[in-house]
Amino acid sequence: MYKVVWDMDPGIDDALALILALKSPEVQVVGITAVAGNAPLEMTSANARRILEFLNESTVPVAMGAAKPLARPLEDALSYHGSGGLGNCELPPPKLPIHPAKAWDFLAQMVLYAPGEITLLATGPLTNVAHAFELHAELPELLDRLVIMGGAYGITPYGKGNRTPFAEFNIWQDPEAAHIVFNSGADIFTVGLDVSMDPAACLHSQHLKQIRAGHGPAAHLVARLVEYEVKHHTCCRMHDPLALAMLIDASLLDFASVKVEVVRGNDWDRGATHILPSDSSRLIHVASGIEGPRFLKLFISRILGN
């Protein structure tokens, strides 16, 4: 079982991934840190707690982190995720209190208490993670691994940007943070648009019909989230659930070990993730293939409790 501290910015796909994690015995979510990204920080931290409460998982602590990227203002994605960040899900305001520590200090406490045991899963901009690594230089090597949803690497035909023609949203939002994290020395696995934009890994209306037939709060909430995506975006992209999937069943994904450069600054190619000629230093594992139908079958099975 993976002990996971999860840095997230929910967001519809973060929400779907969190629900999947709570239904998967391979993963134990021991803490959540919220970052601004898909939505402003107050909203992402509230959304994480809303989901936990809705699924009666009130023991998972949630800490708040960065309200904006390291070097620029936040540009959220509420136009995509809906005004509340979770489509049209009208979940009640959370009652769970926020953990008193800042996200980067909370992460450091968790890792230092159990060195080598914590997997950090980051499915939003990497601002919180960069702060943690800058403040606690020993953290990257004390993680079991770092799994990131982010980047577009051009390994597959789907590895093109979704925020610009060149850049994926999470990396584009805070490329300075991504540069720090990618060069930290942590054992990094990235799941980017090369696999998450594969049409075979996308939920469509026929999958929604299956999910709607389920009972219980997880199936009910997932159906509402997927319905919003299918209605507004034709299908439901599974960016963040695919990052989680490697912890549930690593055989679903193929990886290539490469050296990656993140383009910083604010020019036309900001946030692009370029694969460089390998010199065997600072290699990261980039997802290069996905068994889409098998992943979707797993997702639906877990959500329906089968």
Protein backbone atom coordinates (compact mmCIF):
# COMPACT_ATOMS: atom_id res chain seq x y z
CA MET A 1 0.00 0.00 0.00
CA TYR A 2 1.23 3.48 -0.89
CA LYS A 3 1.04 6.15 1.82
CA VAL A 4 0.18 9.26 -0.17
CA VAL A 5 0.38 12.95 0.62
CA TRP A 6 -1.56 14.59 -2.19
CA ASP A 7 -0.96 18.12 -3.47
CA MET A 8 -4.05 19.06 -5.48
CA ASP A 9 -6.16 21.89 -6.92
CA PRO A 10 -9.70 20.43 -7.30
CA GLY A 11 -10.95 20.78 -10.14
CA ILE A 12 -13.11 18.06 -11.68
CA ASP A 13 -10.33 15.61 -12.55
CA ASP A 14 -8.68 16.00 -9.12
CA ALA A 15 -12.06 15.21 -7.59
CA LEU A 16 -12.47 12.09 -9.73
CA ALA A 17 -8.96 10.98 -8.79
CA LEU A 18 -9.57 11.53 -5.08
CA ILE A 19 -12.79 9.52 -5.19
CA LEU A 20 -10.93 6.71 -7.00
CA ALA A 21 -8.19 6.78 -4.36
CA LEU A 22 -10.70 6.53 -1.52
CA LYS A 23 -12.17 3.45 -3.21
CA SER A 24 -8.79 1.76 -3.81
CA PRO A 25 -7.07 -0.40 -1.16
CA GLU A 26 -3.67 0.05 -2.84
CA VAL A 27 -3.58 3.69 -1.71
CA GLN A 28 -3.88 5.35 1.70
CA VAL A 29 -4.29 9.12 1.50
CA VAL A 30 -2.63 10.36 4.71
CA GLY A 31 -2.89 14.07 3.95
CA ILE A 32 -3.88 16.65 1.36
CA THR A 33 -2.24 19.97 0.56
CA ALA A 34 -4.22 22.45 -1.49
CA VAL A 35 -2.70 24.77 -4.09
CA ALA A 36 -4.19 27.43 -6.35
CA GLY A 37 -4.53 26.26 -9.95
CA ASN A 38 -7.80 25.12 -11.47
CA ALA A 39 -9.45 27.42 -8.94
CA PRO A 40 -8.31 29.95 -6.33
CA LEU A 41 -6.83 28.54 -3.11
CA GLU A 42 -9.86 29.11 -0.88
CA MET A 43 -11.95 27.15 -3.38
CA THR A 44 -9.49 24.27 -3.92
CA SER A 45 -9.02 23.76 -0.18
CA ALA A 46 -12.79 23.84 0.35
CA ASN A 47 -13.44 21.46 -2.55
CA ALA A 48 -11.00 18.88 -1.17
CA ARG A 49 -12.79 18.95 2.18
CA ARG A 50 -16.22 18.87 0.53
CA ILE A 51 -15.34 15.64 -1.27
CA LEU A 52 -13.88 14.04 1.85
CA GLU A 53 -16.99 14.91 3.87
CA PHE A 54 -19.36 13.73 1.17
CA LEU A 55 -17.64 10.33 1.22
CA ASN A 56 -17.44 10.23 5.04
CA GLU A 57 -13.62 10.42 5.04
CA SER A 58 -13.28 13.11 7.68
CA THR A 59 -9.96 11.93 9.17
CA VAL A 60 -7.75 13.08 6.26
CA PRO A 61 -6.10 16.42 7.15
CA VAL A 62 -6.15 19.22 4.56
CA ALA A 63 -3.53 22.00 4.66
CA MET A 64 -3.54 25.19 2.59
CA GLY A 65 -0.55 26.29 0.54
CA ALA A 66 0.27 28.84 -2.15
CA ALA A 67 -2.40 31.24 -3.41
CA LYS A 68 -0.43 32.10 -6.56
CA PRO A 69 2.55 30.87 -8.60
CA LEU A 70 6.11 31.78 -7.61
CA ALA A 71 6.60 34.59 -10.17
CA ARG A 72 3.21 35.69 -11.53
CA PRO A 73 -0.50 36.07 -10.75
CA LEU A 74 -2.83 33.07 -10.81
CA GLU A 75 -4.82 32.42 -14.00
CA ASP A 76 -7.41 29.85 -12.95
CA ALA A 77 -9.39 27.42 -15.14
CA LEU A 78 -12.89 28.02 -13.77
CA SER A 79 -14.10 28.63 -17.30
CA TYR A 80 -13.44 24.92 -17.85
CA HIS A 81 -14.33 23.44 -14.44
CA GLY A 82 -17.38 25.56 -13.66
CA SER A 83 -17.84 28.49 -11.29
CA GLY A 84 -17.36 26.35 -8.17
CA GLY A 85 -14.53 24.29 -9.61
CA LEU A 86 -16.56 21.07 -9.50
CA GLY A 87 -18.93 21.49 -12.41
CA ASN A 88 -22.48 21.90 -11.19
CA CYS A 89 -22.03 19.84 -8.01
CA GLU A 90 -23.65 21.83 -5.24
CA LEU A 91 -21.86 20.17 -2.35
CA PRO A 92 -22.46 21.87 1.02
CA PRO A 93 -19.75 24.09 2.53
CA PRO A 94 -17.15 22.04 4.40
CA LYS A 95 -17.22 21.64 8.16
CA LEU A 96 -13.78 20.06 8.40
CA PRO A 97 -11.23 22.53 9.75
CA ILE A 98 -8.10 23.38 7.82
CA HIS A 99 -4.88 21.93 9.25
CA PRO A 100 -2.98 24.73 11.03
CA ALA A 101 0.34 24.15 9.23
CA LYS A 102 1.19 25.61 5.84
CA ALA A 103 1.20 23.03 3.05
CA TRP A 104 5.01 22.91 2.69
CA ASP A 105 5.55 22.52 6.44
CA PHE A 106 2.83 19.86 6.64
CA LEU A 107 4.48 17.95 3.80
CA ALA A 108 7.87 18.18 5.49
CA GLN A 109 6.44 16.96 8.81
CA MET A 110 4.84 13.95 7.14
CA VAL A 111 7.97 12.98 5.22
CA LEU A 112 10.45 13.55 8.06
CA TYR A 113 8.26 11.48 10.40
CA ALA A 114 8.31 8.52 7.96
CA PRO A 115 11.40 8.84 5.71
CA GLY A 116 11.23 6.67 2.62
CA GLU A 117 7.57 5.80 3.21
CA ILE A 118 5.64 8.73 1.72
CA THR A 119 4.66 8.99 -1.94
CA LEU A 120 3.93 12.57 -2.96
CA LEU A 121 1.24 12.84 -5.62
CA ALA A 122 1.03 16.29 -7.24
CA THR A 123 -1.90 16.93 -9.58
CA GLY A 124 -1.86 20.74 -9.64
CA PRO A 125 0.75 23.43 -10.27
CA LEU A 126 3.96 22.57 -8.41
CA THR A 127 4.16 25.74 -6.29
CA ASN A 128 3.68 24.03 -2.91
CA VAL A 129 6.14 21.27 -3.76
CA ALA A 130 8.78 23.79 -4.88
CA HIS A 131 8.36 25.74 -1.63
CA ALA A 132 8.76 22.51 0.37
CA PHE A 133 11.89 21.48 -1.53
CA GLU A 134 13.43 24.96 -1.20
CA LEU A 135 12.78 25.08 2.56
CA HIS A 136 13.74 21.47 3.25
CA ALA A 137 16.52 20.44 0.86
CA GLU A 138 16.55 16.88 2.20
CA LEU A 139 12.91 16.14 1.27
CA PRO A 140 13.30 14.95 -2.35
CA GLU A 141 15.57 12.08 -1.35
CA LEU A 142 13.37 11.13 1.62
CA LEU A 143 10.28 10.55 -0.54
CA ASP A 144 9.43 7.06 -1.74
CA ARG A 145 8.59 8.68 -5.08
CA LEU A 146 7.01 11.79 -6.57
CA VAL A 147 4.17 11.28 -9.08
CA ILE A 148 3.22 14.38 -11.09
CA MET A 149 0.34 15.08 -13.44
CA GLY A 150 1.89 17.55 -15.81
CA GLY A 151 3.64 18.24 -19.07
CA ALA A 152 3.31 17.55 -22.78
CA TYR A 153 6.37 15.74 -24.08
CA GLY A 154 5.67 14.93 -27.73
CA ILE A 155 6.33 11.22 -27.19
CA THR A 156 2.90 10.33 -28.58
CA PRO A 157 0.65 12.17 -31.08
CA TYR A 158 -1.35 13.44 -28.08
CA GLY A 159 1.61 15.12 -26.38
CA LYS A 160 0.70 18.69 -27.33
CA GLY A 161 -0.26 21.53 -25.00
CA ASN A 162 -3.74 22.21 -23.64
CA ARG A 163 -3.15 25.71 -22.23
CA THR A 164 -1.05 26.84 -25.19
CA PRO A 165 -0.07 24.82 -28.28
CA PHE A 166 3.14 23.96 -26.41
CA ALA A 167 2.34 23.73 -22.71
CA GLU A 168 0.15 21.72 -20.34
CA PHE A 169 -1.83 23.80 -17.80
CA ASN A 170 -0.13 22.74 -14.53
CA ILE A 171 3.41 23.33 -15.82
CA TRP A 172 2.38 26.50 -17.68
CA GLN A 173 0.80 27.92 -14.52
CA ASP A 174 4.10 27.83 -12.59
CA PRO A 175 7.07 26.82 -14.75
CA GLU A 176 9.53 28.25 -12.21
CA ALA A 177 8.19 25.81 -9.60
CA ALA A 178 8.26 22.95 -12.11
CA HIS A 179 11.91 23.70 -12.90
CA ILE A 180 12.82 23.46 -9.21
CA VAL A 181 10.92 20.22 -8.74
CA PHE A 182 12.12 18.51 -11.94
CA ASN A 183 15.72 19.23 -10.93
CA SER A 184 15.32 18.27 -7.27
CA GLY A 185 16.74 14.76 -7.46
CA ALA A 186 13.47 13.12 -6.38
CA ASP A 187 12.43 9.87 -8.06
CA ILE A 188 9.88 11.46 -10.42
CA PHE A 189 7.16 9.86 -12.52
CA THR A 190 5.17 12.24 -14.71
CA VAL A 191 1.85 11.46 -16.33
CA GLY A 192 1.19 14.11 -18.96
CA LEU A 193 -0.96 14.84 -21.96
CA ASP A 194 0.86 12.21 -24.04
CA VAL A 195 -1.39 9.66 -22.31
CA SER A 196 -4.21 11.67 -20.75
CA MET A 197 -5.32 13.09 -24.12
CA ASP A 198 -5.48 9.61 -25.65
CA PRO A 199 -9.15 9.21 -26.68
CA ALA A 200 -9.07 5.59 -25.46
CA ALA A 201 -8.60 6.86 -21.88
CA CYS A 202 -11.55 9.29 -21.93
CA LEU A 203 -14.99 8.73 -20.38
CA HIS A 204 -17.88 9.11 -22.84
CA SER A 205 -21.66 9.06 -22.57
CA GLN A 206 -21.80 5.26 -22.59
CA HIS A 207 -19.52 5.18 -19.53
CA LEU A 208 -21.69 7.79 -17.86
CA LYS A 209 -24.68 5.52 -18.35
CA GLN A 210 -22.84 2.72 -16.52
CA ILE A 211 -21.86 5.03 -13.65
CA ARG A 212 -25.40 6.37 -13.28
CA ALA A 213 -26.59 2.80 -12.66
CA GLY A 214 -24.46 2.67 -9.50
CA HIS A 215 -25.55 3.28 -5.94
CA GLY A 216 -23.88 5.10 -3.08
CA PRO A 217 -22.30 8.52 -2.71
CA ALA A 218 -19.19 7.83 -4.82
CA ALA A 219 -21.14 6.76 -7.91
CA HIS A 220 -23.60 9.63 -7.38
CA LEU A 221 -20.87 12.28 -7.20
CA VAL A 222 -18.81 10.83 -10.06
CA ALA A 223 -21.90 10.76 -12.29
CA ARG A 224 -22.49 14.47 -11.67
CA LEU A 225 -18.87 15.36 -12.38
CA VAL A 226 -18.64 13.25 -15.54
CA GLU A 227 -22.00 14.52 -16.76
CA TYR A 228 -20.73 18.11 -16.61
CA GLU A 229 -17.60 17.21 -18.58
CA VAL A 230 -19.46 15.20 -21.23
CA LYS A 231 -22.03 17.96 -21.65
CA HIS A 232 -19.55 20.83 -21.91
CA HIS A 233 -16.42 19.14 -23.34
CA THR A 234 -17.77 16.08 -25.25
CA CYS A 235 -15.87 13.64 -23.07
CA CYS A 236 -14.30 13.55 -19.60
CA ARG A 237 -10.51 13.69 -19.70
CA MET A 238 -8.93 11.67 -16.91
CA HIS A 239 -5.72 13.62 -16.36
CA ASP A 240 -5.40 13.26 -12.59
CA PRO A 241 -6.97 9.78 -12.23
CA LEU A 242 -4.31 8.51 -14.66
CA ALA A 243 -1.54 9.87 -12.42
CA LEU A 244 -3.11 8.02 -9.50
CA ALA A 245 -3.52 4.90 -11.65
CA MET A 246 0.20 4.15 -11.64
CA LEU A 247 -0.04 3.63 -7.87
CA ILE A 248 -3.03 1.31 -8.25
CA ASP A 249 -1.76 -0.76 -11.20
CA ALA A 250 1.57 0.29 -12.70
CA SER A 251 1.09 -2.15 -15.59
CA LEU A 252 -1.53 0.21 -17.05
CA LEU A 253 1.19 2.66 -18.13
CA ASP A 254 4.46 2.57 -20.02
CA PHE A 255 7.26 4.97 -19.07
CA ALA A 256 10.37 6.33 -20.77
CA SER A 257 13.30 7.63 -18.66
CA VAL A 258 14.41 10.97 -20.09
CA LYS A 259 15.95 14.31 -19.21
CA VAL A 260 13.42 17.16 -19.26
CA GLU A 261 13.87 20.92 -19.47
CA VAL A 262 11.02 23.22 -18.39
CA VAL A 263 10.83 26.54 -20.26
CA ARG A 264 10.54 29.35 -17.70
CA GLY A 265 9.69 33.02 -18.15
CA ASN A 266 6.69 34.42 -19.96
CA ASP A 267 7.44 34.04 -23.65
CA TRP A 268 5.37 32.14 -26.22
CA ASP A 269 6.85 28.78 -25.15
CA ARG A 270 6.39 29.26 -21.39
CA GLY A 271 5.74 25.97 -19.64
CA ALA A 272 6.87 23.75 -22.50
CA THR A 273 8.54 20.51 -21.38
CA HIS A 274 11.37 19.60 -23.74
CA ILE A 275 13.07 16.21 -23.77
CA LEU A 276 16.84 16.74 -23.96
CA PRO A 277 19.61 14.38 -25.08
CA SER A 278 20.17 12.06 -22.13
CA ASP A 279 23.40 12.22 -20.13
CA SER A 280 21.98 9.90 -17.41
CA SER A 281 21.68 12.72 -14.86
CA ARG A 282 18.38 13.92 -13.41
CA LEU A 283 16.33 11.47 -15.48
CA ILE A 284 12.59 11.40 -14.88
CA HIS A 285 10.11 8.72 -15.89
CA VAL A 286 7.61 10.09 -18.41
CA ALA A 287 4.43 8.18 -19.24
CA SER A 288 4.58 7.12 -22.88
CA GLY A 289 1.57 4.80 -23.22
CA ILE A 290 -1.69 3.86 -21.53
CA GLU A 291 -4.03 0.88 -21.77
CA GLY A 292 -7.05 3.16 -21.92
CA PRO A 293 -9.92 0.66 -22.00
CA ARG A 294 -8.45 -1.37 -19.13
CA PHE A 295 -7.96 1.79 -17.07
CA LEU A 296 -11.55 2.93 -17.66
CA LYS A 297 -12.83 -0.52 -16.71
CA LEU A 298 -10.83 -0.33 -13.46
CA PHE A 299 -12.09 3.19 -12.73
CA ILE A 300 -15.76 2.32 -13.25
CA SER A 301 -15.42 -0.94 -11.30
CA ARG A 302 -13.94 0.87 -8.29
CA ILE A 303 -16.51 3.66 -8.38
CA LEU A 304 -19.37 1.16 -8.55
CA GLY A 305 -17.80 -0.91 -5.76
CA ASN A 306 -17.49 -4.07 -7.88
